[in-house]
């Protein structure tokens, strides 16, 4: 697998890179930085984590 762009609501928020048989998420947007360098088993797992993270944040936290 090569690098893969991760989008949320049509906006690129990070990339996934292969790392030791898993996928490492590299955040490129501040509102998903809490997930930076976390490892996931699939792209759908990282998207679910992003959805969960953003649902837990207040609007002030989301927009910085």
PDB file of N, CA and C in Angstrom:
ATOM      1  N   UNK A   1       0.843  -1.192   0.000  1.00  0.00           N
ATOM      2  CA  UNK A   1       0.000   0.000   0.000  1.00  0.00           C
ATOM      3  C   UNK A   1       0.875   1.238   0.000  1.00  0.00           C
ATOM      4  N   UNK A   2       0.415   2.240  -0.706  1.00  0.00           N
ATOM      5  CA  UNK A   2       1.121   3.511  -0.732  1.00  0.00           C
ATOM      6  C   UNK A   2       0.377   4.510   0.135  1.00  0.00           C
ATOM      7  N   UNK A   3       0.910   5.717   0.186  1.00  0.00           N
ATOM      8  CA  UNK A   3       0.250   6.775   0.949  1.00  0.00           C
ATOM      9  C   UNK A   3      -1.172   6.965   0.439  1.00  0.00           C
ATOM     10  N   UNK A   4      -2.062   7.295   1.364  1.00  0.00           N
ATOM     11  CA  UNK A   4      -3.458   7.493   1.010  1.00  0.00           C
ATOM     12  C   UNK A   4      -3.972   8.749   1.706  1.00  0.00           C
ATOM     13  N   UNK A   5      -4.584   9.633   0.954  1.00  0.00           N
ATOM     14  CA  UNK A   5      -5.171  10.843   1.511  1.00  0.00           C
ATOM     15  C   UNK A   5      -6.459  10.474   2.243  1.00  0.00           C
ATOM     16  N   UNK A   6      -6.652  11.068   3.426  1.00  0.00           N
ATOM     17  CA  UNK A   6      -7.869  10.853   4.200  1.00  0.00           C
ATOM     18  C   UNK A   6      -8.675  12.143   4.171  1.00  0.00           C
ATOM     19  N   UNK A   7      -9.918  12.039   3.727  1.00  0.00           N
ATOM     20  CA  UNK A   7     -10.807  13.202   3.685  1.00  0.00           C
ATOM     21  C   UNK A   7     -11.925  13.026   4.695  1.00  0.00           C
ATOM     22  N   UNK A   8     -12.371  14.151   5.229  1.00  0.00           N
ATOM     23  CA  UNK A   8     -13.546  14.163   6.096  1.00  0.00           C
ATOM     24  C   UNK A   8     -14.432  15.302   5.618  1.00  0.00           C
ATOM     25  N   UNK A   9     -15.671  14.991   5.296  1.00  0.00           N
ATOM     26  CA  UNK A   9     -16.629  15.975   4.767  1.00  0.00           C
ATOM     27  C   UNK A   9     -16.056  16.672   3.526  1.00  0.00           C
ATOM     28  N   UNK A  10     -15.336  15.905   2.710  1.00  0.00           N
ATOM     29  CA  UNK A  10     -14.795  16.429   1.465  1.00  0.00           C
ATOM     30  C   UNK A  10     -13.521  17.247   1.604  1.00  0.00           C
ATOM     31  N   UNK A  11     -12.968  17.324   2.814  1.00  0.00           N
ATOM     32  CA  UNK A  11     -11.760  18.112   3.055  1.00  0.00           C
ATOM     33  C   UNK A  11     -10.623  17.172   3.451  1.00  0.00           C
ATOM     34  N   UNK A  12      -9.458  17.261   2.783  1.00  0.00           N
ATOM     35  CA  UNK A  12      -8.319  16.445   3.203  1.00  0.00           C
ATOM     36  C   UNK A  12      -7.891  16.827   4.631  1.00  0.00           C
ATOM     37  N   UNK A  13      -7.813  15.818   5.507  1.00  0.00           N
ATOM     38  CA  UNK A  13      -7.438  16.078   6.897  1.00  0.00           C
ATOM     39  C   UNK A  13      -6.162  15.364   7.307  1.00  0.00           C
ATOM     40  N   UNK A  14      -5.665  14.469   6.452  1.00  0.00           N
ATOM     41  CA  UNK A  14      -4.436  13.759   6.781  1.00  0.00           C
ATOM     42  C   UNK A  14      -4.102  12.736   5.720  1.00  0.00           C
ATOM     43  N   UNK A  15      -3.058  11.973   6.017  1.00  0.00           N
ATOM     44  CA  UNK A  15      -2.664  10.884   5.132  1.00  0.00           C
ATOM     45  C   UNK A  15      -2.427   9.637   5.967  1.00  0.00           C
ATOM     46  N   UNK A  16      -2.564   8.494   5.323  1.00  0.00           N
ATOM     47  CA  UNK A  16      -2.214   7.212   5.918  1.00  0.00           C
ATOM     48  C   UNK A  16      -0.971   6.699   5.222  1.00  0.00           C
ATOM     49  N   UNK A  17      -0.014   6.240   6.015  1.00  0.00           N
ATOM     50  CA  UNK A  17       1.210   5.669   5.454  1.00  0.00           C
ATOM     51  C   UNK A  17       1.411   4.284   6.072  1.00  0.00           C
ATOM     52  N   UNK A  18       1.863   3.330   5.272  1.00  0.00           N
ATOM     53  CA  UNK A  18       2.124   2.001   5.817  1.00  0.00           C
ATOM     54  C   UNK A  18       3.213   2.071   6.887  1.00  0.00           C
ATOM     55  N   UNK A  19       3.016   1.335   7.981  1.00  0.00           N
ATOM     56  CA  UNK A  19       3.999   1.317   9.061  1.00  0.00           C
ATOM     57  C   UNK A  19       3.841   0.020   9.852  1.00  0.00           C
ATOM     58  N   UNK A  20       4.761  -0.904   9.661  1.00  0.00           N
ATOM     59  CA  UNK A  20       4.765  -2.181  10.388  1.00  0.00           C
ATOM     60  C   UNK A  20       3.433  -2.922  10.285  1.00  0.00           C
ATOM     61  N   UNK A  21       2.992  -3.186   9.076  1.00  0.00           N
ATOM     62  CA  UNK A  21       1.754  -3.926   8.813  1.00  0.00           C
ATOM     63  C   UNK A  21       0.491  -3.227   9.301  1.00  0.00           C
ATOM     64  N   UNK A  22       0.590  -1.952   9.618  1.00  0.00           N
ATOM     65  CA  UNK A  22      -0.581  -1.153   9.999  1.00  0.00           C
ATOM     66  C   UNK A  22      -0.506   0.150   9.226  1.00  0.00           C
ATOM     67  N   UNK A  23      -1.417   1.044   9.511  1.00  0.00           N
ATOM     68  CA  UNK A  23      -1.450   2.342   8.848  1.00  0.00           C
ATOM     69  C   UNK A  23      -1.276   3.437   9.889  1.00  0.00           C
ATOM     70  N   UNK A  24      -0.314   4.304   9.653  1.00  0.00           N
ATOM     71  CA  UNK A  24      -0.090   5.427  10.561  1.00  0.00           C
ATOM     72  C   UNK A  24      -0.745   6.664   9.968  1.00  0.00           C
ATOM     73  N   UNK A  25      -1.530   7.354  10.807  1.00  0.00           N
ATOM     74  CA  UNK A  25      -2.232   8.555  10.380  1.00  0.00           C
ATOM     75  C   UNK A  25      -1.347   9.764  10.664  1.00  0.00           C
ATOM     76  N   UNK A  26      -1.169  10.602   9.651  1.00  0.00           N
ATOM     77  CA  UNK A  26      -0.438  11.863   9.785  1.00  0.00           C
ATOM     78  C   UNK A  26      -1.445  12.985   9.546  1.00  0.00           C
ATOM     79  N   UNK A  27      -1.732  13.737  10.589  1.00  0.00           N
ATOM     80  CA  UNK A  27      -2.726  14.808  10.512  1.00  0.00           C
ATOM     81  C   UNK A  27      -2.161  16.014   9.777  1.00  0.00           C
ATOM     82  N   UNK A  28      -2.993  16.634   8.948  1.00  0.00           N
ATOM     83  CA  UNK A  28      -2.605  17.876   8.284  1.00  0.00           C
ATOM     84  C   UNK A  28      -3.561  19.016   8.627  1.00  0.00           C
ATOM     85  N   UNK A  29      -4.569  18.717   9.428  1.00  0.00           N
ATOM     86  CA  UNK A  29      -5.508  19.738   9.904  1.00  0.00           C
ATOM     87  C   UNK A  29      -5.515  19.706  11.427  1.00  0.00           C
ATOM     88  N   UNK A  30      -5.571  20.885  12.025  1.00  0.00           N
ATOM     89  CA  UNK A  30      -5.474  21.008  13.473  1.00  0.00           C
ATOM     90  C   UNK A  30      -6.565  20.236  14.203  1.00  0.00           C
ATOM     91  N   UNK A  31      -7.788  20.256  13.704  1.00  0.00           N
ATOM     92  CA  UNK A  31      -8.895  19.645  14.442  1.00  0.00           C
ATOM     93  C   UNK A  31      -8.826  18.119  14.525  1.00  0.00           C
ATOM     94  N   UNK A  32      -7.919  17.475  13.807  1.00  0.00           N
ATOM     95  CA  UNK A  32      -7.721  16.032  13.945  1.00  0.00           C
ATOM     96  C   UNK A  32      -6.330  15.694  14.487  1.00  0.00           C
ATOM     97  N   UNK A  33      -5.633  16.692  14.975  1.00  0.00           N
ATOM     98  CA  UNK A  33      -4.264  16.502  15.453  1.00  0.00           C
ATOM     99  C   UNK A  33      -4.168  15.494  16.591  1.00  0.00           C
ATOM    100  N   UNK A  34      -5.236  15.328  17.372  1.00  0.00           N
ATOM    101  CA  UNK A  34      -5.224  14.347  18.467  1.00  0.00           C
ATOM    102  C   UNK A  34      -4.972  12.923  17.964  1.00  0.00           C
ATOM    103  N   UNK A  35      -5.225  12.676  16.705  1.00  0.00           N
ATOM    104  CA  UNK A  35      -5.019  11.346  16.128  1.00  0.00           C
ATOM    105  C   UNK A  35      -3.675  11.209  15.408  1.00  0.00           C
ATOM    106  N   UNK A  36      -2.904  12.278  15.374  1.00  0.00           N
ATOM    107  CA  UNK A  36      -1.618  12.278  14.664  1.00  0.00           C
ATOM    108  C   UNK A  36      -0.717  11.152  15.174  1.00  0.00           C
ATOM    109  N   UNK A  37      -0.168  10.394  14.250  1.00  0.00           N
ATOM    110  CA  UNK A  37       0.755   9.284  14.477  1.00  0.00           C
ATOM    111  C   UNK A  37       0.133   8.084  15.175  1.00  0.00           C
ATOM    112  N   UNK A  38      -1.191   8.039  15.270  1.00  0.00           N
ATOM    113  CA  UNK A  38      -1.853   6.833  15.778  1.00  0.00           C
ATOM    114  C   UNK A  38      -1.881   5.797  14.662  1.00  0.00           C
ATOM    115  N   UNK A  39      -1.919   4.539  15.046  1.00  0.00           N
ATOM    116  CA  UNK A  39      -1.941   3.443  14.081  1.00  0.00           C
ATOM    117  C   UNK A  39      -3.343   2.840  13.998  1.00  0.00           C
ATOM    118  N   UNK A  40      -3.709   2.440  12.787  1.00  0.00           N
ATOM    119  CA  UNK A  40      -5.022   1.875  12.520  1.00  0.00           C
ATOM    120  C   UNK A  40      -4.873   0.659  11.614  1.00  0.00           C
ATOM    121  N   UNK A  41      -5.889  -0.197  11.647  1.00  0.00           N
ATOM    122  CA  UNK A  41      -5.873  -1.387  10.802  1.00  0.00           C
ATOM    123  C   UNK A  41      -6.388  -1.124   9.396  1.00  0.00           C
ATOM    124  N   UNK A  42      -7.224  -0.081   9.242  1.00  0.00           N
ATOM    125  CA  UNK A  42      -7.801   0.200   7.924  1.00  0.00           C
ATOM    126  C   UNK A  42      -8.166   1.680   7.810  1.00  0.00           C
ATOM    127  N   UNK A  43      -8.410   2.106   6.583  1.00  0.00           N
ATOM    128  CA  UNK A  43      -8.847   3.484   6.342  1.00  0.00           C
ATOM    129  C   UNK A  43     -10.203   3.735   6.980  1.00  0.00           C
ATOM    130  N   UNK A  44     -11.067   2.741   6.977  1.00  0.00           N
ATOM    131  CA  UNK A  44     -12.382   2.927   7.602  1.00  0.00           C
ATOM    132  C   UNK A  44     -12.255   3.098   9.115  1.00  0.00           C
ATOM    133  N   UNK A  45     -11.256   2.468   9.725  1.00  0.00           N
ATOM    134  CA  UNK A  45     -11.022   2.643  11.165  1.00  0.00           C
ATOM    135  C   UNK A  45     -10.600   4.071  11.484  1.00  0.00           C
ATOM    136  N   UNK A  46      -9.739   4.653  10.665  1.00  0.00           N
ATOM    137  CA  UNK A  46      -9.312   6.038  10.932  1.00  0.00           C
ATOM    138  C   UNK A  46     -10.463   7.002  10.698  1.00  0.00           C
ATOM    139  N   UNK A  47     -11.280   6.750   9.694  1.00  0.00           N
ATOM    140  CA  UNK A  47     -12.434   7.626   9.447  1.00  0.00           C
ATOM    141  C   UNK A  47     -13.429   7.562  10.602  1.00  0.00           C
ATOM    142  N   UNK A  48     -13.622   6.379  11.160  1.00  0.00           N
ATOM    143  CA  UNK A  48     -14.502   6.244  12.326  1.00  0.00           C
ATOM    144  C   UNK A  48     -13.923   6.979  13.524  1.00  0.00           C
ATOM    145  N   UNK A  49     -12.613   6.916  13.699  1.00  0.00           N
ATOM    146  CA  UNK A  49     -11.957   7.629  14.807  1.00  0.00           C
ATOM    147  C   UNK A  49     -12.081   9.137  14.629  1.00  0.00           C
ATOM    148  N   UNK A  50     -11.964   9.611  13.412  1.00  0.00           N
ATOM    149  CA  UNK A  50     -12.122  11.046  13.139  1.00  0.00           C
ATOM    150  C   UNK A  50     -13.547  11.473  13.442  1.00  0.00           C
ATOM    151  N   UNK A  51     -14.509  10.703  12.982  1.00  0.00           N
ATOM    152  CA  UNK A  51     -15.917  11.009  13.234  1.00  0.00           C
ATOM    153  C   UNK A  51     -16.192  11.083  14.738  1.00  0.00           C
ATOM    154  N   UNK A  52     -15.686  10.103  15.483  1.00  0.00           N
ATOM    155  CA  UNK A  52     -15.875  10.068  16.935  1.00  0.00           C
ATOM    156  C   UNK A  52     -15.209  11.277  17.591  1.00  0.00           C
ATOM    157  N   UNK A  53     -13.990  11.574  17.200  1.00  0.00           N
ATOM    158  CA  UNK A  53     -13.260  12.710  17.763  1.00  0.00           C
ATOM    159  C   UNK A  53     -14.007  14.014  17.529  1.00  0.00           C
ATOM    160  N   UNK A  54     -14.451  14.233  16.320  1.00  0.00           N
ATOM    161  CA  UNK A  54     -15.113  15.496  16.000  1.00  0.00           C
ATOM    162  C   UNK A  54     -16.500  15.601  16.635  1.00  0.00           C
ATOM    163  N   UNK A  55     -17.167  14.486  16.840  1.00  0.00           N
ATOM    164  CA  UNK A  55     -18.456  14.512  17.524  1.00  0.00           C
ATOM    165  C   UNK A  55     -18.314  14.844  19.000  1.00  0.00           C
ATOM    166  N   UNK A  56     -17.139  14.573  19.572  1.00  0.00           N
ATOM    167  CA  UNK A  56     -16.885  14.850  20.987  1.00  0.00           C
ATOM    168  C   UNK A  56     -16.420  16.282  21.236  1.00  0.00           C
ATOM    169  N   UNK A  57     -15.963  16.956  20.203  1.00  0.00           N
ATOM    170  CA  UNK A  57     -15.430  18.313  20.362  1.00  0.00           C
ATOM    171  C   UNK A  57     -16.542  19.356  20.345  1.00  0.00           C
ATOM    172  N   UNK A  58     -16.312  20.433  21.064  1.00  0.00           N
ATOM    173  CA  UNK A  58     -17.216  21.578  21.009  1.00  0.00           C
ATOM    174  C   UNK A  58     -16.866  22.398  19.766  1.00  0.00           C
ATOM    175  N   UNK A  59     -17.769  23.257  19.287  1.00  0.00           N
ATOM    176  CA  UNK A  59     -17.426  24.076  18.122  1.00  0.00           C
ATOM    177  C   UNK A  59     -16.158  24.914  18.322  1.00  0.00           C
ATOM    178  N   UNK A  60     -15.922  25.417  19.523  1.00  0.00           N
ATOM    179  CA  UNK A  60     -14.707  26.216  19.778  1.00  0.00           C
ATOM    180  C   UNK A  60     -13.468  25.362  19.621  1.00  0.00           C
ATOM    181  N   UNK A  61     -13.501  24.101  20.062  1.00  0.00           N
ATOM    182  CA  UNK A  61     -12.356  23.213  19.918  1.00  0.00           C
ATOM    183  C   UNK A  61     -12.145  22.840  18.455  1.00  0.00           C
ATOM    184  N   UNK A  62     -13.234  22.640  17.735  1.00  0.00           N
ATOM    185  CA  UNK A  62     -13.167  22.231  16.335  1.00  0.00           C
ATOM    186  C   UNK A  62     -12.504  23.307  15.479  1.00  0.00           C
ATOM    187  N   UNK A  63     -12.886  24.543  15.699  1.00  0.00           N
ATOM    188  CA  UNK A  63     -12.375  25.629  14.869  1.00  0.00           C
ATOM    189  C   UNK A  63     -11.139  26.290  15.442  1.00  0.00           C
ATOM    190  N   UNK A  64     -10.638  25.802  16.544  1.00  0.00           N
ATOM    191  CA  UNK A  64      -9.401  26.323  17.106  1.00  0.00           C
ATOM    192  C   UNK A  64      -9.656  27.513  17.912  1.00  0.00           C
TER     193      UNK A  64
END
